Structure formats: C-alpha cells, structure tokens
C-alpha atoms as a PDB file:
ATOM      1  CA  MET A   1      18.140  43.007   0.473  1.00  0.00           C
ATOM      2  CA  ASN A   2      15.115  41.552  -1.257  1.00  0.00           C
ATOM      3  CA  ILE A   3      13.970  38.472   0.705  1.00  0.00           C
ATOM      4  CA  HIS A   4      12.677  36.751  -2.443  1.00  0.00           C
ATOM      5  CA  HIS A   5      16.112  37.186  -4.056  1.00  0.00           C
ATOM      6  CA  LEU A   6      17.672  35.571  -0.992  1.00  0.00           C
ATOM      7  CA  GLU A   7      15.257  32.653  -1.264  1.00  0.00           C
ATOM      8  CA  LEU A   8      16.220  32.102  -4.901  1.00  0.00           C
ATOM      9  CA  PHE A   9      19.914  32.297  -4.023  1.00  0.00           C
ATOM     10  CA  TYR A  10      19.349  29.715  -1.269  1.00  0.00           C
ATOM     11  CA  TYR A  11      17.955  27.236  -3.821  1.00  0.00           C
ATOM     12  CA  VAL A  12      20.732  27.995  -6.331  1.00  0.00           C
ATOM     13  CA  ALA A  13      23.433  27.429  -3.707  1.00  0.00           C
ATOM     14  CA  ARG A  14      21.780  24.336  -2.281  1.00  0.00           C
ATOM     15  CA  HIS A  15      21.176  22.629  -5.642  1.00  0.00           C
ATOM     16  CA  GLY A  16      24.376  23.584  -7.419  1.00  0.00           C
ATOM     17  CA  GLY A  17      23.189  26.054 -10.003  1.00  0.00           C
ATOM     18  CA  ILE A  18      20.195  27.793 -11.517  1.00  0.00           C
ATOM     19  CA  SER A  19      18.833  24.804 -13.454  1.00  0.00           C
ATOM     20  CA  GLY A  20      18.977  22.655 -10.312  1.00  0.00           C
ATOM     21  CA  ALA A  21      17.234  25.397  -8.347  1.00  0.00           C
ATOM     22  CA  VAL A  22      14.392  25.647 -10.873  1.00  0.00           C
ATOM     23  CA  ARG A  23      13.744  21.897 -10.577  1.00  0.00           C
ATOM     24  CA  ASN A  24      13.458  22.151  -6.778  1.00  0.00           C
ATOM     25  CA  ILE A  25      11.832  25.507  -6.073  1.00  0.00           C
ATOM     26  CA  PRO A  26       8.365  24.586  -4.759  1.00  0.00           C
ATOM     27  CA  TYR A  27       6.468  26.860  -7.176  1.00  0.00           C
ATOM     28  CA  GLY A  28       6.590  27.568 -10.875  1.00  0.00           C
ATOM     29  CA  ILE A  29       9.378  29.895 -11.996  1.00  0.00           C
ATOM     30  CA  GLN A  30      11.428  29.882 -15.188  1.00  0.00           C
ATOM     31  CA  GLN A  31      15.211  29.782 -15.391  1.00  0.00           C
ATOM     32  CA  PRO A  32      15.600  33.265 -16.976  1.00  0.00           C
ATOM     33  CA  ALA A  33      13.576  34.813 -14.140  1.00  0.00           C
ATOM     34  CA  VAL A  34      15.793  33.192 -11.508  1.00  0.00           C
ATOM     35  CA  SER A  35      18.938  34.264 -13.329  1.00  0.00           C
ATOM     36  CA  ALA A  36      17.738  37.866 -13.655  1.00  0.00           C
ATOM     37  CA  GLN A  37      16.816  38.139  -9.975  1.00  0.00           C
ATOM     38  CA  ILE A  38      20.111  36.627  -8.828  1.00  0.00           C
ATOM     39  CA  ILE A  39      21.915  39.234 -10.939  1.00  0.00           C
ATOM     40  CA  GLN A  40      19.855  41.947  -9.203  1.00  0.00           C
ATOM     41  CA  LEU A  41      20.912  40.532  -5.830  1.00  0.00           C
ATOM     42  CA  GLU A  42      24.583  40.535  -6.856  1.00  0.00           C
ATOM     43  CA  GLU A  43      24.302  44.113  -8.144  1.00  0.00           C
ATOM     44  CA  SER A  44      22.668  45.284  -4.919  1.00  0.00           C
ATOM     45  CA  LEU A  45      25.511  43.718  -2.893  1.00  0.00           C
ATOM     46  CA  GLY A  46      28.273  44.682  -5.303  1.00  0.00           C
ATOM     47  CA  VAL A  47      29.744  41.144  -5.316  1.00  0.00           C
ATOM     48  CA  THR A  48      29.665  37.949  -7.383  1.00  0.00           C
ATOM     49  CA  LEU A  49      28.011  35.195  -5.364  1.00  0.00           C
ATOM     50  CA  PHE A  50      28.965  32.182  -7.481  1.00  0.00           C
ATOM     51  CA  GLN A  51      30.798  31.104 -10.594  1.00  0.00           C
ATOM     52  CA  ARG A  52      28.410  29.838 -13.273  1.00  0.00           C
ATOM     53  CA  ARG A  53      30.475  27.185 -15.138  1.00  0.00           C
ATOM     54  CA  PRO A  54      31.468  25.075 -13.371  1.00  0.00           C
ATOM     55  CA  PHE A  55      29.273  26.053 -10.471  1.00  0.00           C
ATOM     56  CA  SER A  56      31.008  27.108  -7.249  1.00  0.00           C
ATOM     57  CA  LEU A  57      30.207  29.633  -4.550  1.00  0.00           C
ATOM     58  CA  THR A  58      32.566  32.555  -4.158  1.00  0.00           C
ATOM     59  CA  ALA A  59      33.768  33.552  -0.687  1.00  0.00           C
ATOM     60  CA  PRO A  60      30.933  36.160  -0.349  1.00  0.00           C
ATOM     61  CA  GLY A  61      28.484  33.550  -1.645  1.00  0.00           C
ATOM     62  CA  GLU A  62      29.619  31.010   0.949  1.00  0.00           C
ATOM     63  CA  LYS A  63      29.249  33.608   3.700  1.00  0.00           C
ATOM     64  CA  LEU A  64      25.761  34.630   2.591  1.00  0.00           C
ATOM     65  CA  PHE A  65      24.615  31.014   2.187  1.00  0.00           C
ATOM     66  CA  ARG A  66      25.817  30.059   5.684  1.00  0.00           C
ATOM     67  CA  PHE A  67      23.875  33.008   7.083  1.00  0.00           C
ATOM     68  CA  ILE A  68      20.538  32.336   5.332  1.00  0.00           C
ATOM     69  CA  GLU A  69      20.626  28.513   5.279  1.00  0.00           C
ATOM     70  CA  PRO A  70      19.335  27.969   8.864  1.00  0.00           C
ATOM     71  CA  PHE A  71      16.403  30.305   8.224  1.00  0.00           C
ATOM     72  CA  PHE A  72      15.189  28.654   5.018  1.00  0.00           C
ATOM     73  CA  GLU A  73      15.932  25.136   6.275  1.00  0.00           C
ATOM     74  CA  GLY A  74      13.829  25.852   9.334  1.00  0.00           C
ATOM     75  CA  LEU A  75      10.745  27.162   7.539  1.00  0.00           C
ATOM     76  CA  ASP A  76       9.094  23.807   6.804  1.00  0.00           C
ATOM     77  CA  PRO A  77       9.564  22.421  10.341  1.00  0.00           C
ATOM     78  CA  LEU A  78       8.223  25.695  11.747  1.00  0.00           C
ATOM     79  CA  ALA A  79       5.190  25.492   9.475  1.00  0.00           C
ATOM     80  CA  GLU A  80       4.541  21.932  10.652  1.00  0.00           C
ATOM     81  CA  GLU A  81       4.783  23.077  14.278  1.00  0.00           C
ATOM     82  CA  LEU A  82       2.402  25.986  13.714  1.00  0.00           C
ATOM     83  CA  ARG A  83      -0.100  23.654  12.028  1.00  0.00           C
ATOM     84  CA  GLY A  84      -0.186  21.556  15.157  1.00  0.00           C
ATOM     85  CA  GLY A  85       2.746  19.196  15.118  1.00  0.00           C
ATOM     86  CA  ALA A  86       2.615  16.460  12.550  1.00  0.00           C
ATOM     87  CA  ALA A  87       0.948  18.471   9.768  1.00  0.00           C
ATOM     88  CA  GLN A  88      -2.233  16.445   9.623  1.00  0.00           C
ATOM     89  CA  GLN A  89      -3.831  18.400   6.791  1.00  0.00           C
ATOM     90  CA  VAL A  90      -3.724  17.482   3.103  1.00  0.00           C
ATOM     91  CA  ARG A  91      -5.278  19.369   0.205  1.00  0.00           C
ATOM     92  CA  PHE A  92      -5.865  16.623  -2.363  1.00  0.00           C
ATOM     93  CA  GLY A  93      -6.931  16.993  -5.976  1.00  0.00           C
ATOM     94  CA  ALA A  94      -8.005  14.433  -8.556  1.00  0.00           C
ATOM     95  CA  ALA A  95     -10.654  13.547 -11.104  1.00  0.00           C
ATOM     96  CA  GLY A  96     -14.105  12.839  -9.715  1.00  0.00           C
ATOM     97  CA  ILE A  97     -13.849   9.107 -10.339  1.00  0.00           C
ATOM     98  CA  ILE A  98     -10.731   8.870  -8.139  1.00  0.00           C
ATOM     99  CA  LEU A  99     -12.223  10.993  -5.371  1.00  0.00           C
ATOM    100  CA  ARG A 100     -15.396   8.893  -5.428  1.00  0.00           C
ATOM    101  CA  ASP A 101     -14.215   5.323  -6.014  1.00  0.00           C
ATOM    102  CA  HIS A 102     -10.661   5.104  -4.689  1.00  0.00           C
ATOM    103  CA  LEU A 103      -9.859   7.812  -2.171  1.00  0.00           C
ATOM    104  CA  PRO A 104     -12.286   6.875   0.657  1.00  0.00           C
ATOM    105  CA  GLU A 105     -10.674   3.478   1.283  1.00  0.00           C
ATOM    106  CA  LEU A 106      -7.177   4.926   0.923  1.00  0.00           C
ATOM    107  CA  VAL A 107      -7.913   7.628   3.495  1.00  0.00           C
ATOM    108  CA  GLN A 108      -9.074   5.011   5.990  1.00  0.00           C
ATOM    109  CA  HIS A 109      -5.622   3.403   5.886  1.00  0.00           C
ATOM    110  CA  VAL A 110      -3.823   6.752   6.239  1.00  0.00           C
ATOM    111  CA  ARG A 111      -5.999   7.696   9.219  1.00  0.00           C
ATOM    112  CA  LYS A 112      -4.674   4.702  11.140  1.00  0.00           C
ATOM    113  CA  LYS A 113      -1.296   6.487  11.228  1.00  0.00           C
ATOM    114  CA  PHE A 114      -2.660  10.054  11.336  1.00  0.00           C
ATOM    115  CA  PRO A 115      -5.940   9.941  13.304  1.00  0.00           C
ATOM    116  CA  ASN A 116      -6.353  13.732  13.272  1.00  0.00           C
ATOM    117  CA  LEU A 117      -6.142  13.943   9.492  1.00  0.00           C
ATOM    118  CA  LYS A 118      -7.968  16.888   7.964  1.00  0.00           C
ATOM    119  CA  LEU A 119      -8.687  16.457   4.269  1.00  0.00           C
ATOM    120  CA  THR A 120      -9.676  19.085   1.704  1.00  0.00           C
ATOM    121  CA  LEU A 121     -10.745  17.654  -1.668  1.00  0.00           C
ATOM    122  CA  ARG A 122     -10.731  19.458  -4.983  1.00  0.00           C
ATOM    123  CA  GLU A 123     -11.997  17.969  -8.229  1.00  0.00           C
ATOM    124  CA  GLY A 124     -10.268  18.938 -11.465  1.00  0.00           C
ATOM    125  CA  HIS A 125      -8.693  17.728 -14.678  1.00  0.00           C
ATOM    126  CA  GLN A 126      -5.017  17.602 -15.615  1.00  0.00           C
ATOM    127  CA  PRO A 127      -4.171  21.263 -16.475  1.00  0.00           C
ATOM    128  CA  GLN A 128      -6.200  22.599 -13.539  1.00  0.00           C
ATOM    129  CA  LEU A 129      -4.564  20.251 -11.043  1.00  0.00           C
ATOM    130  CA  GLU A 130      -1.056  21.042 -12.283  1.00  0.00           C
ATOM    131  CA  ASN A 131      -1.777  24.777 -12.043  1.00  0.00           C
ATOM    132  CA  TRP A 132      -3.130  24.461  -8.485  1.00  0.00           C
ATOM    133  CA  LEU A 133      -0.095  22.446  -7.450  1.00  0.00           C
ATOM    134  CA  GLN A 134       2.308  25.027  -8.889  1.00  0.00           C
ATOM    135  CA  LYS A 135       0.445  27.774  -7.022  1.00  0.00           C
ATOM    136  CA  GLN A 136       0.687  25.613  -3.864  1.00  0.00           C
ATOM    137  CA  GLU A 137      -3.087  25.515  -3.571  1.00  0.00           C
ATOM    138  CA  LEU A 138      -2.848  21.701  -3.393  1.00  0.00           C
ATOM    139  CA  ASP A 139      -0.443  19.448  -1.495  1.00  0.00           C
ATOM    140  CA  LEU A 140      -0.983  16.308  -3.585  1.00  0.00           C
ATOM    141  CA  ALA A 141      -2.833  15.356  -6.758  1.00  0.00           C
ATOM    142  CA  VAL A 142      -3.423  12.240  -8.814  1.00  0.00           C
ATOM    143  CA  THR A 143      -3.774  12.948 -12.514  1.00  0.00           C
ATOM    144  CA  LEU A 144      -2.540  11.973 -15.933  1.00  0.00           C
ATOM    145  CA  LEU A 145       1.073  12.873 -16.618  1.00  0.00           C
ATOM    146  CA  GLU A 146       2.218  13.956 -20.065  1.00  0.00           C
ATOM    147  CA  GLY A 147       5.986  13.427 -20.330  1.00  0.00           C
ATOM    148  CA  LYS A 148       8.052  15.026 -17.581  1.00  0.00           C
ATOM    149  CA  PRO A 149       6.284  16.701 -14.647  1.00  0.00           C
ATOM    150  CA  PRO A 150       5.775  20.477 -14.923  1.00  0.00           C
ATOM    151  CA  THR A 151       8.376  22.809 -13.454  1.00  0.00           C
ATOM    152  CA  GLY A 152       8.554  22.652  -9.672  1.00  0.00           C
ATOM    153  CA  LEU A 153       6.561  19.427  -9.308  1.00  0.00           C
ATOM    154  CA  ASN A 154       7.660  15.966  -8.241  1.00  0.00           C
ATOM    155  CA  SER A 155       6.001  12.881  -9.693  1.00  0.00           C
ATOM    156  CA  LEU A 156       5.442   9.205  -8.952  1.00  0.00           C
ATOM    157  CA  PRO A 157       3.977   7.075 -11.802  1.00  0.00           C
ATOM    158  CA  LEU A 158       1.219   4.766 -10.563  1.00  0.00           C
ATOM    159  CA  LEU A 159      -0.544   3.069 -13.482  1.00  0.00           C
ATOM    160  CA  LYS A 160      -0.502   2.839 -17.267  1.00  0.00           C
ATOM    161  CA  LEU A 161      -4.029   3.168 -18.643  1.00  0.00           C
ATOM    162  CA  PRO A 162      -4.762   1.881 -22.185  1.00  0.00           C
ATOM    163  CA  LEU A 163      -6.952   3.976 -24.484  1.00  0.00           C
ATOM    164  CA  VAL A 164     -10.392   2.653 -25.389  1.00  0.00           C
ATOM    165  CA  LEU A 165     -13.411   3.723 -27.421  1.00  0.00           C
ATOM    166  CA  LEU A 166     -16.781   3.666 -25.679  1.00  0.00           C
ATOM    167  CA  VAL A 167     -19.866   2.715 -27.679  1.00  0.00           C
ATOM    168  CA  LYS A 168     -23.440   1.811 -26.843  1.00  0.00           C
ATOM    169  CA  LYS A 169     -23.891  -1.910 -26.348  1.00  0.00           C
ATOM    170  CA  SER A 170     -26.263  -1.988 -29.311  1.00  0.00           C
ATOM    171  CA  CYS A 171     -23.563  -0.586 -31.627  1.00  0.00           C
ATOM    172  CA  ARG A 172     -22.530  -3.101 -34.294  1.00  0.00           C
ATOM    173  CA  LEU A 173     -18.909  -1.936 -34.344  1.00  0.00           C
ATOM    174  CA  ALA A 174     -16.800  -5.010 -33.510  1.00  0.00           C
ATOM    175  CA  GLY A 175     -13.388  -3.359 -33.365  1.00  0.00           C
ATOM    176  CA  ALA A 176     -11.563  -0.107 -34.046  1.00  0.00           C
ATOM    177  CA  GLU A 177     -10.065  -1.570 -37.241  1.00  0.00           C
ATOM    178  CA  GLU A 178     -13.491  -1.279 -38.869  1.00  0.00           C
ATOM    179  CA  LEU A 179     -13.306   2.495 -38.403  1.00  0.00           C
ATOM    180  CA  TRP A 180      -9.756   2.730 -39.753  1.00  0.00           C
ATOM    181  CA  LYS A 181     -10.781   1.000 -43.022  1.00  0.00           C
ATOM    182  CA  ARG A 182     -13.366   3.645 -43.858  1.00  0.00           C
ATOM    183  CA  ASP A 183     -12.709   6.530 -46.237  1.00  0.00           C
ATOM    184  CA  LYS A 184     -14.301   8.882 -43.706  1.00  0.00           C
ATOM    185  CA  ILE A 185     -15.434   8.327 -40.115  1.00  0.00           C
ATOM    186  CA  GLU A 186     -18.887   9.876 -39.775  1.00  0.00           C
ATOM    187  CA  GLU A 187     -19.545   9.130 -36.102  1.00  0.00           C
ATOM    188  CA  THR A 188     -19.235  11.975 -33.618  1.00  0.00           C
ATOM    189  CA  LEU A 189     -16.128  11.709 -31.442  1.00  0.00           C
ATOM    190  CA  ILE A 190     -16.646  12.681 -27.797  1.00  0.00           C
ATOM    191  CA  CYS A 191     -13.499  13.350 -25.751  1.00  0.00           C
ATOM    192  CA  LEU A 192     -11.596  15.540 -23.329  1.00  0.00           C
ATOM    193  CA  PRO A 193     -10.115  18.888 -24.475  1.00  0.00           C
ATOM    194  CA  PRO A 194      -7.160  18.526 -26.903  1.00  0.00           C
ATOM    195  CA  HIS A 195      -4.501  19.735 -24.417  1.00  0.00           C
ATOM    196  CA  GLU A 196      -5.052  16.674 -22.191  1.00  0.00           C
ATOM    197  CA  ALA A 197      -2.994  13.491 -22.410  1.00  0.00           C
ATOM    198  CA  VAL A 198      -5.754  11.136 -23.605  1.00  0.00           C
ATOM    199  CA  PRO A 199      -6.718  13.032 -26.794  1.00  0.00           C
ATOM    200  CA  LYS A 200      -3.042  13.843 -27.456  1.00  0.00           C
ATOM    201  CA  HIS A 201      -2.110  10.154 -27.443  1.00  0.00           C
ATOM    202  CA  PHE A 202      -5.167   9.315 -29.536  1.00  0.00           C
ATOM    203  CA  GLN A 203      -4.404  11.886 -32.227  1.00  0.00           C
ATOM    204  CA  GLN A 204      -0.767  10.759 -32.324  1.00  0.00           C
ATOM    205  CA  GLY A 205      -1.977   7.199 -32.937  1.00  0.00           C
ATOM    206  CA  LEU A 206      -4.365   8.355 -35.670  1.00  0.00           C
ATOM    207  CA  ASN A 207      -1.522  10.276 -37.342  1.00  0.00           C
ATOM    208  CA  ARG A 208       0.568   7.094 -37.455  1.00  0.00           C
ATOM    209  CA  LEU A 209      -2.356   5.386 -39.193  1.00  0.00           C
ATOM    210  CA  GLY A 210      -2.885   8.304 -41.586  1.00  0.00           C
ATOM    211  CA  ILE A 211      -6.442   8.877 -40.314  1.00  0.00           C
ATOM    212  CA  ASP A 212      -8.311  12.116 -39.612  1.00  0.00           C
ATOM    213  CA  TRP A 213     -10.977  12.020 -36.905  1.00  0.00           C
ATOM    214  CA  PHE A 214     -11.503  15.073 -34.747  1.00  0.00           C
ATOM    215  CA  PRO A 215     -13.874  15.648 -31.828  1.00  0.00           C
ATOM    216  CA  ARG A 216     -17.232  17.292 -32.252  1.00  0.00           C
ATOM    217  CA  ILE A 217     -18.085  17.176 -28.557  1.00  0.00           C
ATOM    218  CA  GLU A 218     -15.534  18.150 -25.899  1.00  0.00           C
ATOM    219  CA  VAL A 219     -16.276  17.518 -22.219  1.00  0.00           C
ATOM    220  CA  THR A 220     -14.332  18.068 -19.018  1.00  0.00           C
ATOM    221  CA  SER A 221     -14.433  14.603 -17.453  1.00  0.00           C
ATOM    222  CA  LEU A 222     -14.379  10.913 -18.327  1.00  0.00           C
ATOM    223  CA  ALA A 223     -17.706  10.506 -16.517  1.00  0.00           C
ATOM    224  CA  LEU A 224     -19.354  12.966 -18.912  1.00  0.00           C
ATOM    225  CA  ILE A 225     -17.983  11.019 -21.882  1.00  0.00           C
ATOM    226  CA  GLU A 226     -19.774   7.909 -20.628  1.00  0.00           C
ATOM    227  CA  THR A 227     -22.989   9.906 -20.083  1.00  0.00           C
ATOM    228  CA  TYR A 228     -23.014  11.303 -23.617  1.00  0.00           C
ATOM    229  CA  VAL A 229     -22.186   7.947 -25.193  1.00  0.00           C
ATOM    230  CA  GLU A 230     -24.995   6.303 -23.251  1.00  0.00           C
ATOM    231  CA  SER A 231     -27.339   9.031 -24.471  1.00  0.00           C
ATOM    232  CA  GLY A 232     -26.480   8.225 -28.079  1.00  0.00           C
ATOM    233  CA  TYR A 233     -24.424  11.283 -29.017  1.00  0.00           C
ATOM    234  CA  GLY A 234     -21.516   9.360 -30.535  1.00  0.00           C
ATOM    235  CA  ILE A 235     -18.367   7.368 -29.757  1.00  0.00           C
ATOM    236  CA  GLY A 236     -16.364   8.291 -26.660  1.00  0.00           C
ATOM    237  CA  LEU A 237     -12.604   8.298 -26.178  1.00  0.00           C
ATOM    238  CA  SER A 238     -11.624   7.120 -22.713  1.00  0.00           C
ATOM    239  CA  VAL A 239      -9.198   4.897 -20.800  1.00  0.00           C
ATOM    240  CA  ALA A 240      -9.504   1.405 -19.363  1.00  0.00           C
ATOM    241  CA  ILE A 241      -9.552   1.821 -15.587  1.00  0.00           C
ATOM    242  CA  PRO A 242      -8.858  -1.412 -13.686  1.00  0.00           C
ATOM    243  CA  ARG A 243     -11.886  -2.808 -11.819  1.00  0.00           C
ATOM    244  CA  PHE A 244     -14.091   0.077 -12.950  1.00  0.00           C
ATOM    245  CA  GLN A 245     -17.553  -1.001 -14.059  1.00  0.00           C
ATOM    246  CA  LEU A 246     -18.991   0.765 -17.069  1.00  0.00           C
ATOM    247  CA  SER A 247     -22.703   1.304 -17.427  1.00  0.00           C
ATOM    248  CA  PRO A 248     -24.376  -1.956 -18.537  1.00  0.00           C
ATOM    249  CA  ARG A 249     -25.504  -0.122 -21.696  1.00  0.00           C
ATOM    250  CA  ILE A 250     -21.925   0.703 -22.758  1.00  0.00           C
ATOM    251  CA  ARG A 251     -19.002  -1.422 -23.879  1.00  0.00           C
ATOM    252  CA  ALA A 252     -15.332  -0.605 -24.423  1.00  0.00           C
ATOM    253  CA  ILE A 253     -13.398  -1.272 -27.633  1.00  0.00           C
ATOM    254  CA  PRO A 254      -9.603  -1.599 -27.124  1.00  0.00           C
ATOM    255  CA  LEU A 255      -7.276   0.666 -29.104  1.00  0.00           C
ATOM    256  CA  ASP A 256      -4.372  -1.680 -29.789  1.00  0.00           C
ATOM    257  CA  GLY A 257      -1.164   0.065 -30.838  1.00  0.00           C
ATOM    258  CA  PHE A 258      -2.072   3.382 -29.199  1.00  0.00           C
ATOM    259  CA  THR A 259       0.271   4.625 -26.454  1.00  0.00           C
ATOM    260  CA  PRO A 260      -1.263   4.329 -22.958  1.00  0.00           C
ATOM    261  CA  VAL A 261      -1.452   7.324 -20.659  1.00  0.00           C
ATOM    262  CA  VAL A 262       0.282   7.388 -17.279  1.00  0.00           C
ATOM    263  CA  LEU A 263      -1.598   8.063 -14.060  1.00  0.00           C
ATOM    264  CA  ALA A 264       0.745   9.670 -11.548  1.00  0.00           C
ATOM    265  CA  ALA A 265       0.873  11.346  -8.166  1.00  0.00           C
ATOM    266  CA  LEU A 266       2.201  14.921  -8.235  1.00  0.00           C
ATOM    267  CA  TRP A 267       3.282  17.129  -5.353  1.00  0.00           C
ATOM    268  CA  PRO A 268       5.028  20.520  -5.216  1.00  0.00           C
ATOM    269  CA  ARG A 269       7.514  20.376  -2.364  1.00  0.00           C
ATOM    270  CA  LYS A 270       9.401  18.169   0.075  1.00  0.00           C
ATOM    271  CA  LEU A 271       7.637  15.072   1.320  1.00  0.00           C
ATOM    272  CA  THR A 272       6.248  15.213   4.823  1.00  0.00           C
ATOM    273  CA  PRO A 273       5.536  11.982   6.743  1.00  0.00           C
ATOM    274  CA  LEU A 274       1.836  12.470   5.964  1.00  0.00           C
ATOM    275  CA  LEU A 275       2.374  12.890   2.216  1.00  0.00           C
ATOM    276  CA  GLN A 276       4.715   9.900   2.270  1.00  0.00           C
ATOM    277  CA  ALA A 277       1.943   7.832   3.863  1.00  0.00           C
ATOM    278  CA  PHE A 278      -0.450   8.898   1.090  1.00  0.00           C
ATOM    279  CA  LEU A 279       2.077   7.981  -1.606  1.00  0.00           C
ATOM    280  CA  GLU A 280       2.681   4.566  -0.069  1.00  0.00           C
ATOM    281  CA  GLU A 281      -1.046   3.860  -0.003  1.00  0.00           C
ATOM    282  CA  LEU A 282      -1.430   5.102  -3.589  1.00  0.00           C
ATOM    283  CA  GLN A 283       1.365   2.785  -4.724  1.00  0.00           C
ATOM    284  CA  SER A 284      -0.130  -0.137  -2.838  1.00  0.00           C
ATOM    285  CA  ARG A 285      -3.574   0.437  -4.344  1.00  0.00           C
ATOM    286  CA  ALA A 286      -2.117   0.833  -7.837  1.00  0.00           C
ATOM    287  CA  GLN A 287      -0.286  -2.494  -7.507  1.00  0.00           C
ATOM    288  CA  VAL A 288      -3.509  -4.207  -6.465  1.00  0.00           C
ATOM    289  CA  LEU A 289      -5.427  -2.683  -9.395  1.00  0.00           C
ATOM    290  CA  ALA A 290      -2.704  -3.681 -11.858  1.00  0.00           C
ATOM    291  CA  THR A 291      -2.887  -7.385 -10.918  1.00  0.00           C
END
C-alpha cells in the first residue's frame, strides 16, 4: 500500500469526507487529487472504504482507519519529542516592518514561557509567505489576508488596516477627493504588485468611483514605497499602521470609503503550545495597537 494514500485516507476518515480532509491536511492539495488517490487506494485493496454521500466508513474502512489512526495521531508528538521535548523552534515569516518593529518585544514575552526558544526569521510578502507555509517551510506567518485563507492554512485575524496615499510633505494635495475630480490623474502611482491585497482593494475602490489610475512603479515592500515617495517619484499606496511613524518628510492622506485590508496570523498545521503562545502575544499586541 502507498503510505501517502493511507495518509490521505486518514484525513478523509477523521474529518468526515474529502472536502473536510482538504481543509485540514497540513499542506496544499486540491480535492480532485485527494479523490483520485483515494480511488487508487480502494482499487489496490479491492474494497470500498467509505460511502461518499452521506459520508460513512464501510466495514473495511473502519478496520483500516483503526489500524492507521494510532500511527498518524502519534507523528506530531513524536516529532516534538525528537526536537527536544517542547518543540522550542519556530520558523516565522512576515514583512520587514513587522520583523523589525514588533517581533522583538513579542519574542521577549514568549521566551518567558519557552526560555530555550530558537527562532528562524524569513522576510517576505503575502504570496511568498503563503507559499512557504503551504510547503511547510514556515510554522507561522503574519501577513495580509485576502478573503479566506489558502488551502491547508489556518488563520487568525489581528488588525484591520485602512488604505492611505503617501505624499511628500511639500505636496499641495489636501485630500484624495482632489484626485478623483480630475479628468486624468497624471501623478505616478507607486504600489505593491497587483496580486497583493492592498492594490486589489485600491483598484476595487477606484472601480466603484469610475476612475482609472494604474501603477507605474511596482515595489515589493511598504518600506520601499515610502523610500520612493520621499525621493519624489510619485504618490505611494500604503496602509495606516497603528503607532508607526512615517518619515518627517512624508504625510498620509486617508482613503475614505476604500475597504481596509486584514492583517492575520497564518499557520499550516495543529497548534503546539509554543505556537499558541505566539498567537496569544500577537492578539494581545494587536489589541494594544488598535486602542
């Protein structure tokens, strides 16, 4: 028997069907792929393992599940034991601003409970972080969340961040409404790539207003947007981050009526006590920032 097929069957049996399995398998896999591999397992055994609608295990399915359940249930505890007991290692990913300005204090609080904490940090933007999580190259990430979390990932919303335009302090633009009244916006728009949540929400808001304004400069981080605005390259699209100080040569213009983006914690598998401690500290810090 193919061990990977058995693993997929374990998740199907445990979560009451293929769709439930896909939501809980700790790596990215699509429903048709699971279904096809379960069929291969059934064909190799010459039996039907479960009824599809409504879901129920057959007698052979019950027997197989009872046999493999202890093995798969015991994998995570065994991994924790092999890592040295309480799994004191976390691979954490986020944007540079979070790693620089927020994580150091948070880690200090977590270390009070887990003094042997080993931390690996990885800087990235939304699509990169989601991909690394799905490949299980990260244990936890904080990033913007667009709609539902990607397949195989759990999420915890932390903050809603309003959209803003960044301009040089010397810019005479008083508000975004002045731009919307123009026949054509000539200023260069500087923003993140279009597949990220911030530009998506911005373009959706522009569409509601019947306005066309597309980026001429795309960068990979919010910090770079600030740098290019300060250097006079154009107007930047960013988010209002609580208690974050912009450069004294830049000011933010609110974008009223535009949908905020959601900052969330994402993780790919069951919570360990260490990950739970990180999530609790993230929630606590988010509540402080929101007040």
